[in-house]
Amino acid sequence: MLPRDVISTGDLILRAPSDDDVEAVVRTSNDPVTARFLPLLPQPYTAQDAREWIKKTRDRRDEGGADFVISDASGGYLGAVGVPAPDRWGAVEIGYLVAPWARGRGVAARASRAVTDWLFDQGLHRVGLKAEIENVASVRTALAAGFTLEGVQREAKRLRDGRWADWAGFARLAGEPVPDTKPYLPFFEALDDGTVRLEPIGPDDAELFKALLEDEQTARFSVFPVPPMEGLLRRLRSTGFWWATGQRVELAVRDAAGGEFAGHIQLANVAQPLDQAMVGYSLMPAFRGRGFMTRAVRMLVEWAFEATPLHRVIAGTDTANTASHRVLERAGFTREFVERELFPRKDGKRSDDLSWLRLRPKNDDNM
């Protein structure tokens, strides 16, 4: 049985839900973002639904769980954190939501961290947390609250529209040091030099991205087969999750003037212990020969050295891909070495890989 405590953390107070919260709960539950990521919530959500939820939280306390409203100093509703009764092994899985008017302030991360610390104080051993991988805000919340990514469950739950979705699992263990919560790859909305703009790539880019991957020149130097559209959509739905968890950054290259999709660029193979990542890219035929990719590579690498701990950015090109060689040379990379017969080719033979490197400038080593 968990105690009926009130938790204070900074300017937040975590208290039991009350009938005074009904209106705010209704507003929050009818918010499109809330409804999108909590598919079991009734829609539309009514005052009666809110009153029934408050009653269930009281029942859950009697059963050994705990539910908290996140409030400010005046008692105003900012969100909620829910905790079911712990299992026989002292493990529990928490959930949370944040009101639209409180988002972007770290409310969920601070509240989740405080509740988790409180649960450990009650003798629990493990606190878990799950987030749909497209719910990037929730993924960032889990990491900012000190949770460690444990894996991804593919097609674990259905969404409101019937589509299956992947879910990421996170956990904290009692007595375990809290990992660094500063993101290794901080998020940006766009990089723009006036000619080229780099933005997060997503499902809306799927058709043009597929056409790019199927282009003869792109396919010639790619070692991966072009996936069917459903596989490509799954990849594009995962890009925000990969970025938030420090695994890779995938971006659309666009014409800054009109926003037209021009290509794709990524920082992948991120090796955090080495502070190293690999840049890869491809460009739509209509934009080749105009310096777009040189600008894109230069812009992304300079961001990496300014905003992340990365010390080495590498690239690998087929020795026959002279256009890619020119891009890397103009973007400040130097040739390193040749790996013989690395890339498998469609004719059954293998081609050599020319490796490239760009190092963090010496005056940036204090990162």
Protein backbone atom coordinates (compact mmCIF):
# COMPACT_ATOMS: atom_id res chain seq x y z
CA MET A 1 0.00 0.00 0.00
CA LEU A 2 1.50 3.32 -1.08
CA PRO A 3 1.06 6.23 1.37
CA ARG A 4 -1.25 9.11 0.56
CA ASP A 5 1.47 11.72 0.35
CA VAL A 6 1.71 15.11 -1.28
CA ILE A 7 5.00 15.54 -3.17
CA SER A 8 6.66 18.89 -3.73
CA THR A 9 9.34 19.37 -6.37
CA GLY A 10 10.51 22.89 -7.16
CA ASP A 11 7.47 24.94 -8.12
CA LEU A 12 5.31 21.84 -8.70
CA ILE A 13 3.00 20.15 -6.22
CA LEU A 14 1.79 16.60 -6.77
CA ARG A 15 -1.48 16.00 -4.94
CA ALA A 16 -4.54 13.78 -5.11
CA PRO A 17 -7.11 14.60 -7.83
CA SER A 18 -10.19 16.47 -6.66
CA ASP A 19 -13.57 17.48 -8.04
CA ASP A 20 -12.12 20.96 -8.63
CA ASP A 21 -10.02 19.44 -11.45
CA VAL A 22 -12.98 18.28 -13.56
CA GLU A 23 -13.04 21.19 -16.01
CA ALA A 24 -9.27 21.12 -16.58
CA VAL A 25 -9.28 17.33 -17.03
CA VAL A 26 -12.02 17.65 -19.67
CA ARG A 27 -10.10 20.37 -21.55
CA THR A 28 -6.89 18.34 -21.45
CA SER A 29 -8.55 15.09 -22.53
CA ASN A 30 -10.28 16.72 -25.50
CA ASP A 31 -7.02 18.24 -26.72
CA PRO A 32 -6.07 16.68 -30.11
CA VAL A 33 -2.54 15.79 -28.97
CA THR A 34 -3.82 14.08 -25.82
CA ALA A 35 -6.45 12.21 -27.81
CA ARG A 36 -3.85 11.15 -30.42
CA PHE A 37 -1.49 9.54 -27.92
CA LEU A 38 -4.07 8.17 -25.45
CA PRO A 39 -6.31 6.18 -27.79
CA LEU A 40 -8.40 4.66 -25.00
CA LEU A 41 -9.72 8.02 -23.79
CA PRO A 42 -13.38 8.54 -24.71
CA GLN A 43 -13.89 11.15 -27.43
CA PRO A 44 -15.51 13.51 -26.83
CA TYR A 45 -14.48 13.46 -23.19
CA THR A 46 -17.19 14.71 -20.84
CA ALA A 47 -17.40 16.02 -17.29
CA GLN A 48 -18.95 12.70 -16.31
CA ASP A 49 -15.87 10.91 -17.71
CA ALA A 50 -13.67 13.17 -15.58
CA ARG A 51 -15.70 12.49 -12.44
CA GLU A 52 -15.49 8.74 -13.09
CA TRP A 53 -11.71 9.03 -13.53
CA ILE A 54 -11.40 10.86 -10.20
CA LYS A 55 -13.45 8.11 -8.53
CA LYS A 56 -11.19 5.45 -10.08
CA THR A 57 -8.10 7.21 -8.71
CA ARG A 58 -9.59 6.96 -5.21
CA ASP A 59 -10.33 3.27 -5.78
CA ARG A 60 -6.80 2.73 -7.04
CA ARG A 61 -5.35 4.28 -3.89
CA ASP A 62 -7.43 1.85 -1.85
CA GLU A 63 -6.01 -0.97 -3.99
CA GLY A 64 -2.41 0.12 -3.33
CA GLY A 65 -1.70 2.49 -6.22
CA ALA A 66 -1.39 6.28 -6.38
CA ASP A 67 -2.55 9.02 -8.71
CA PHE A 68 -1.28 12.57 -8.61
CA VAL A 69 -2.43 15.78 -10.19
CA ILE A 70 0.50 17.98 -11.15
CA SER A 71 -0.33 21.48 -9.99
CA ASP A 72 1.34 24.84 -9.60
CA ALA A 73 1.65 26.72 -6.31
CA SER A 74 -1.91 28.01 -6.63
CA GLY A 75 -3.27 24.49 -7.11
CA GLY A 76 -3.94 24.92 -10.83
CA TYR A 77 -4.08 21.73 -12.89
CA LEU A 78 -1.04 21.11 -15.12
CA GLY A 79 -1.33 17.35 -15.74
CA ALA A 80 -1.32 14.00 -13.99
CA VAL A 81 0.89 11.04 -13.07
CA GLY A 82 -0.60 7.60 -12.43
CA VAL A 83 0.89 4.64 -10.53
CA PRO A 84 -0.86 1.24 -10.29
CA ALA A 85 -0.33 -1.02 -7.30
CA PRO A 86 3.20 -2.50 -7.31
CA ASP A 87 3.57 -6.15 -8.25
CA ARG A 88 5.00 -8.82 -5.97
CA TRP A 89 8.56 -7.96 -7.05
CA GLY A 90 8.31 -4.29 -6.15
CA ALA A 91 7.96 -3.16 -9.75
CA VAL A 92 5.51 -0.69 -11.22
CA GLU A 93 4.89 1.17 -14.49
CA ILE A 94 3.93 4.84 -14.38
CA GLY A 95 2.11 7.00 -16.90
CA TYR A 96 1.61 10.74 -17.28
CA LEU A 97 -0.03 13.47 -19.33
CA VAL A 98 0.40 17.24 -19.46
CA ALA A 99 -2.24 19.89 -20.08
CA PRO A 100 -1.80 21.83 -23.34
CA TRP A 101 -1.19 25.08 -21.42
CA ALA A 102 1.69 23.51 -19.46
CA ARG A 103 3.66 21.87 -22.29
CA GLY A 104 7.23 22.83 -23.11
CA ARG A 105 8.14 23.57 -19.49
CA GLY A 106 9.55 20.20 -18.43
CA VAL A 107 6.51 19.55 -16.22
CA ALA A 108 6.16 15.84 -17.03
CA ALA A 109 9.89 15.13 -16.63
CA ARG A 110 10.13 16.86 -13.25
CA ALA A 111 6.94 15.27 -11.96
CA SER A 112 7.86 11.77 -13.21
CA ARG A 113 11.31 12.01 -11.69
CA ALA A 114 9.89 13.16 -8.34
CA VAL A 115 7.26 10.39 -8.26
CA THR A 116 9.88 7.78 -9.20
CA ASP A 117 12.23 8.95 -6.43
CA TRP A 118 9.26 8.83 -4.02
CA LEU A 119 8.47 5.26 -5.12
CA PHE A 120 12.04 4.21 -4.42
CA ASP A 121 11.72 5.78 -0.99
CA GLN A 122 8.72 3.45 -0.43
CA GLY A 123 10.96 0.45 -1.11
CA LEU A 124 10.11 -0.27 -4.75
CA HIS A 125 12.83 -1.83 -6.89
CA ARG A 126 11.90 -0.92 -10.46
CA VAL A 127 9.83 1.79 -12.15
CA GLY A 128 8.99 1.33 -15.82
CA LEU A 129 7.54 3.66 -18.41
CA LYS A 130 6.32 3.16 -21.99
CA ALA A 131 5.95 5.68 -24.80
CA GLU A 132 4.75 5.34 -28.37
CA ILE A 133 7.79 6.02 -30.54
CA GLU A 134 5.97 8.75 -32.48
CA ASN A 135 5.29 10.53 -29.19
CA VAL A 136 8.69 12.19 -29.23
CA ALA A 137 7.77 14.59 -26.42
CA SER A 138 7.07 11.59 -24.17
CA VAL A 139 10.33 9.91 -25.20
CA ARG A 140 12.22 13.09 -24.28
CA THR A 141 10.32 13.23 -20.98
CA ALA A 142 11.41 9.69 -20.09
CA LEU A 143 15.05 10.46 -20.81
CA ALA A 144 14.94 13.81 -19.00
CA ALA A 145 13.45 12.04 -15.96
CA GLY A 146 16.49 9.75 -15.81
CA PHE A 147 14.97 6.63 -17.38
CA THR A 148 17.08 4.27 -19.50
CA LEU A 149 15.85 2.98 -22.85
CA GLU A 150 15.50 -0.81 -22.72
CA GLY A 151 14.05 -1.60 -26.13
CA VAL A 152 11.19 -1.28 -28.59
CA GLN A 153 8.10 -3.48 -28.81
CA ARG A 154 7.01 -3.62 -32.42
CA GLU A 155 3.30 -3.13 -33.12
CA ALA A 156 2.53 -3.43 -29.42
CA LYS A 157 -0.75 -1.47 -29.41
CA ARG A 158 -3.39 -0.24 -31.81
CA LEU A 159 -4.09 3.46 -32.25
CA ARG A 160 -7.48 5.11 -32.43
CA ASP A 161 -7.51 4.69 -36.23
CA GLY A 162 -6.70 0.98 -35.97
CA ARG A 163 -3.07 1.25 -37.04
CA TRP A 164 -0.50 -0.74 -35.07
CA ALA A 165 2.21 1.31 -33.34
CA ASP A 166 5.63 0.55 -31.87
CA TRP A 167 6.26 1.35 -28.22
CA ALA A 168 9.54 2.06 -26.43
CA GLY A 169 10.21 0.73 -22.94
CA PHE A 170 12.20 2.68 -20.34
CA ALA A 171 13.04 1.96 -16.70
CA ARG A 172 14.85 3.17 -13.60
CA LEU A 173 16.17 0.84 -10.89
CA ALA A 174 16.49 1.66 -7.21
CA GLY A 175 20.06 2.64 -6.32
CA GLU A 176 21.12 2.92 -9.95
CA PRO A 177 22.96 6.12 -10.88
CA VAL A 178 20.78 8.41 -12.96
CA PRO A 179 22.31 8.75 -16.45
CA ASP A 180 23.19 12.09 -17.98
CA THR A 181 19.87 13.60 -19.01
CA LYS A 182 21.37 16.13 -21.42
CA PRO A 183 20.49 14.98 -24.96
CA TYR A 184 23.49 13.83 -26.96
CA LEU A 185 21.87 15.06 -30.17
CA PRO A 186 19.82 18.18 -29.29
CA PHE A 187 16.78 18.82 -31.44
CA PHE A 188 16.41 21.62 -33.96
CA GLU A 189 13.47 22.55 -36.17
CA ALA A 190 15.54 23.66 -39.17
CA LEU A 191 18.97 24.70 -40.40
CA ASP A 192 18.89 27.20 -43.25
CA ASP A 193 21.67 29.00 -45.13
CA GLY A 194 19.32 30.86 -47.48
CA THR A 195 19.69 28.32 -50.28
CA VAL A 196 19.27 24.96 -48.55
CA ARG A 197 17.09 24.12 -45.56
CA LEU A 198 17.43 20.98 -43.45
CA GLU A 199 14.32 19.82 -41.58
CA PRO A 200 13.27 16.60 -39.80
CA ILE A 201 12.08 14.09 -42.38
CA GLY A 202 8.74 12.42 -41.75
CA PRO A 203 5.90 10.36 -43.22
CA ASP A 204 4.72 13.26 -45.37
CA ASP A 205 7.97 12.89 -47.35
CA ALA A 206 7.47 9.18 -48.00
CA GLU A 207 6.57 9.26 -51.70
CA LEU A 208 9.39 11.58 -52.74
CA PHE A 209 11.85 9.80 -50.46
CA LYS A 210 10.92 6.47 -52.07
CA ALA A 211 11.42 7.99 -55.53
CA LEU A 212 14.85 9.19 -54.44
CA LEU A 213 15.84 5.73 -53.16
CA GLU A 214 14.63 4.16 -56.43
CA ASP A 215 16.57 6.63 -58.59
CA GLU A 216 19.14 4.74 -60.68
CA GLN A 217 22.13 6.78 -59.48
CA THR A 218 21.11 6.52 -55.81
CA ALA A 219 20.40 2.79 -56.04
CA ARG A 220 23.72 2.16 -57.78
CA PHE A 221 25.69 3.20 -54.70
CA SER A 222 23.30 1.96 -52.00
CA VAL A 223 23.83 -1.33 -50.20
CA PHE A 224 20.26 -1.48 -48.89
CA PRO A 225 17.23 -2.58 -50.94
CA VAL A 226 14.39 -0.09 -51.27
CA PRO A 227 11.71 -1.15 -48.75
CA PRO A 228 8.03 -1.33 -49.63
CA MET A 229 6.03 1.77 -48.72
CA GLU A 230 4.87 0.35 -45.37
CA GLY A 231 8.48 -0.35 -44.35
CA LEU A 232 9.52 3.11 -45.46
CA LEU A 233 6.69 4.67 -43.43
CA ARG A 234 7.78 2.72 -40.37
CA ARG A 235 11.27 4.12 -40.79
CA LEU A 236 9.99 7.68 -41.17
CA ARG A 237 7.75 7.30 -38.11
CA SER A 238 10.83 6.28 -36.12
CA THR A 239 13.10 9.20 -37.00
CA GLY A 240 12.05 11.44 -34.09
CA PHE A 241 12.55 8.58 -31.65
CA TRP A 242 16.02 7.83 -33.01
CA TRP A 243 16.97 11.48 -32.74
CA ALA A 244 15.64 11.87 -29.19
CA THR A 245 17.50 8.77 -28.02
CA GLY A 246 20.81 9.85 -29.59
CA GLN A 247 20.92 7.13 -32.24
CA ARG A 248 20.78 9.16 -35.45
CA VAL A 249 19.50 12.32 -37.11
CA GLU A 250 17.56 11.98 -40.39
CA LEU A 251 16.68 15.11 -42.33
CA ALA A 252 14.99 16.24 -45.50
CA VAL A 253 17.10 18.51 -47.70
CA ARG A 254 14.84 21.23 -49.11
CA ASP A 255 15.11 24.18 -51.44
CA ALA A 256 15.03 27.08 -48.98
CA ALA A 257 13.15 29.29 -51.44
CA GLY A 258 10.13 27.08 -52.07
CA GLY A 259 10.46 24.19 -49.63
CA GLU A 260 10.66 21.56 -52.36
CA PHE A 261 12.06 18.17 -51.30
CA ALA A 262 15.59 17.99 -52.72
CA GLY A 263 17.13 15.04 -50.92
CA HIS A 264 18.00 13.28 -47.69
CA ILE A 265 20.90 13.56 -45.26
CA GLN A 266 21.63 11.76 -42.02
CA LEU A 267 24.03 11.43 -39.12
CA ALA A 268 24.00 7.70 -38.43
CA ASN A 269 26.15 5.02 -36.79
CA VAL A 270 26.49 7.30 -33.76
CA ALA A 271 29.13 5.88 -31.40
CA GLN A 272 28.78 7.97 -28.27
CA PRO A 273 31.82 6.49 -26.43
CA LEU A 274 33.92 7.57 -29.43
CA ASP A 275 32.04 10.82 -30.11
CA GLN A 276 31.82 9.71 -33.72
CA ALA A 277 29.05 9.61 -36.33
CA MET A 278 28.78 8.93 -40.05
CA VAL A 279 27.20 11.29 -42.55
CA GLY A 280 25.24 9.87 -45.48
CA TYR A 281 23.20 11.60 -48.17
CA SER A 282 21.42 11.41 -51.51
CA LEU A 283 20.00 14.08 -53.81
CA MET A 284 17.08 14.21 -56.22
CA PRO A 285 18.19 14.36 -59.88
CA ALA A 286 16.72 17.84 -60.45
CA PHE A 287 18.96 19.33 -57.77
CA ARG A 288 22.27 17.72 -58.73
CA GLY A 289 25.16 19.85 -59.92
CA ARG A 290 23.95 22.94 -58.03
CA GLY A 291 26.00 22.62 -54.84
CA PHE A 292 22.97 21.68 -52.71
CA MET A 293 24.53 18.66 -51.06
CA THR A 294 27.82 20.37 -50.32
CA ARG A 295 25.86 23.07 -48.49
CA ALA A 296 23.78 20.46 -46.67
CA VAL A 297 26.78 18.40 -45.52
CA ARG A 298 28.71 21.46 -44.42
CA MET A 299 25.71 22.85 -42.53
CA LEU A 300 24.96 19.58 -40.73
CA VAL A 301 28.56 18.89 -39.74
CA GLU A 302 29.08 22.42 -38.46
CA TRP A 303 25.91 22.08 -36.37
CA ALA A 304 27.24 18.78 -35.00
CA PHE A 305 30.49 20.37 -33.86
CA GLU A 306 28.69 23.38 -32.37
CA ALA A 307 25.81 21.62 -30.62
CA THR A 308 26.93 18.05 -29.81
CA PRO A 309 29.98 16.32 -28.29
CA LEU A 310 30.86 14.76 -31.65
CA HIS A 311 34.59 14.92 -32.36
CA ARG A 312 34.75 12.88 -35.57
CA VAL A 313 32.34 12.81 -38.51
CA ILE A 314 33.19 10.14 -41.03
CA ALA A 315 31.83 9.15 -44.43
CA GLY A 316 32.22 6.19 -46.73
CA THR A 317 31.90 6.30 -50.51
CA ASP A 318 32.23 3.81 -53.28
CA THR A 319 35.54 4.53 -55.00
CA ALA A 320 33.61 4.99 -58.24
CA ASN A 321 31.26 7.62 -56.79
CA THR A 322 33.23 10.66 -57.86
CA ALA A 323 30.30 13.06 -57.42
CA SER A 324 30.15 12.15 -53.73
CA HIS A 325 33.92 12.57 -53.45
CA ARG A 326 33.60 16.15 -54.68
CA VAL A 327 30.84 16.89 -52.16
CA LEU A 328 32.97 15.71 -49.25
CA GLU A 329 36.10 17.52 -50.43
CA ARG A 330 34.20 20.80 -50.74
CA ALA A 331 32.60 20.22 -47.31
CA GLY A 332 36.02 20.01 -45.65
CA PHE A 333 36.55 16.23 -45.41
CA THR A 334 39.89 14.55 -46.05
CA ARG A 335 40.53 11.12 -47.52
CA GLU A 336 41.58 8.55 -44.94
CA PHE A 337 42.02 5.08 -46.43
CA VAL A 338 40.47 2.48 -48.73
CA GLU A 339 38.67 -0.61 -47.47
CA ARG A 340 38.90 -3.22 -50.16
CA GLU A 341 35.78 -5.06 -51.38
CA LEU A 342 33.48 -3.65 -48.69
CA PHE A 343 30.31 -2.90 -50.65
CA PRO A 344 28.31 -5.79 -52.18
CA ARG A 345 27.07 -5.06 -55.70
CA LYS A 346 24.03 -6.33 -57.55
CA ASP A 347 26.25 -8.27 -60.01
CA GLY A 348 27.64 -10.35 -57.14
CA LYS A 349 30.98 -8.57 -57.06
CA ARG A 350 32.17 -6.14 -54.37
CA SER A 351 33.53 -2.62 -54.63
CA ASP A 352 36.05 -0.71 -52.54
CA ASP A 353 35.10 1.92 -49.97
CA LEU A 354 36.94 5.22 -49.72
CA SER A 355 36.77 6.50 -46.12
CA TRP A 356 36.62 10.20 -45.27
CA LEU A 357 37.01 12.21 -42.08
CA ARG A 358 36.30 15.66 -40.73
CA LEU A 359 37.53 16.46 -37.21
CA ARG A 360 36.18 18.98 -34.75
CA PRO A 361 38.21 22.20 -35.06
CA LYS A 362 40.87 22.43 -32.33
CA ASN A 363 39.36 25.54 -30.77
CA ASP A 364 36.10 23.62 -30.19
CA ASP A 365 37.64 20.89 -28.04
CA ASN A 366 36.07 22.29 -24.88
CA MET A 367 32.68 20.88 -25.90
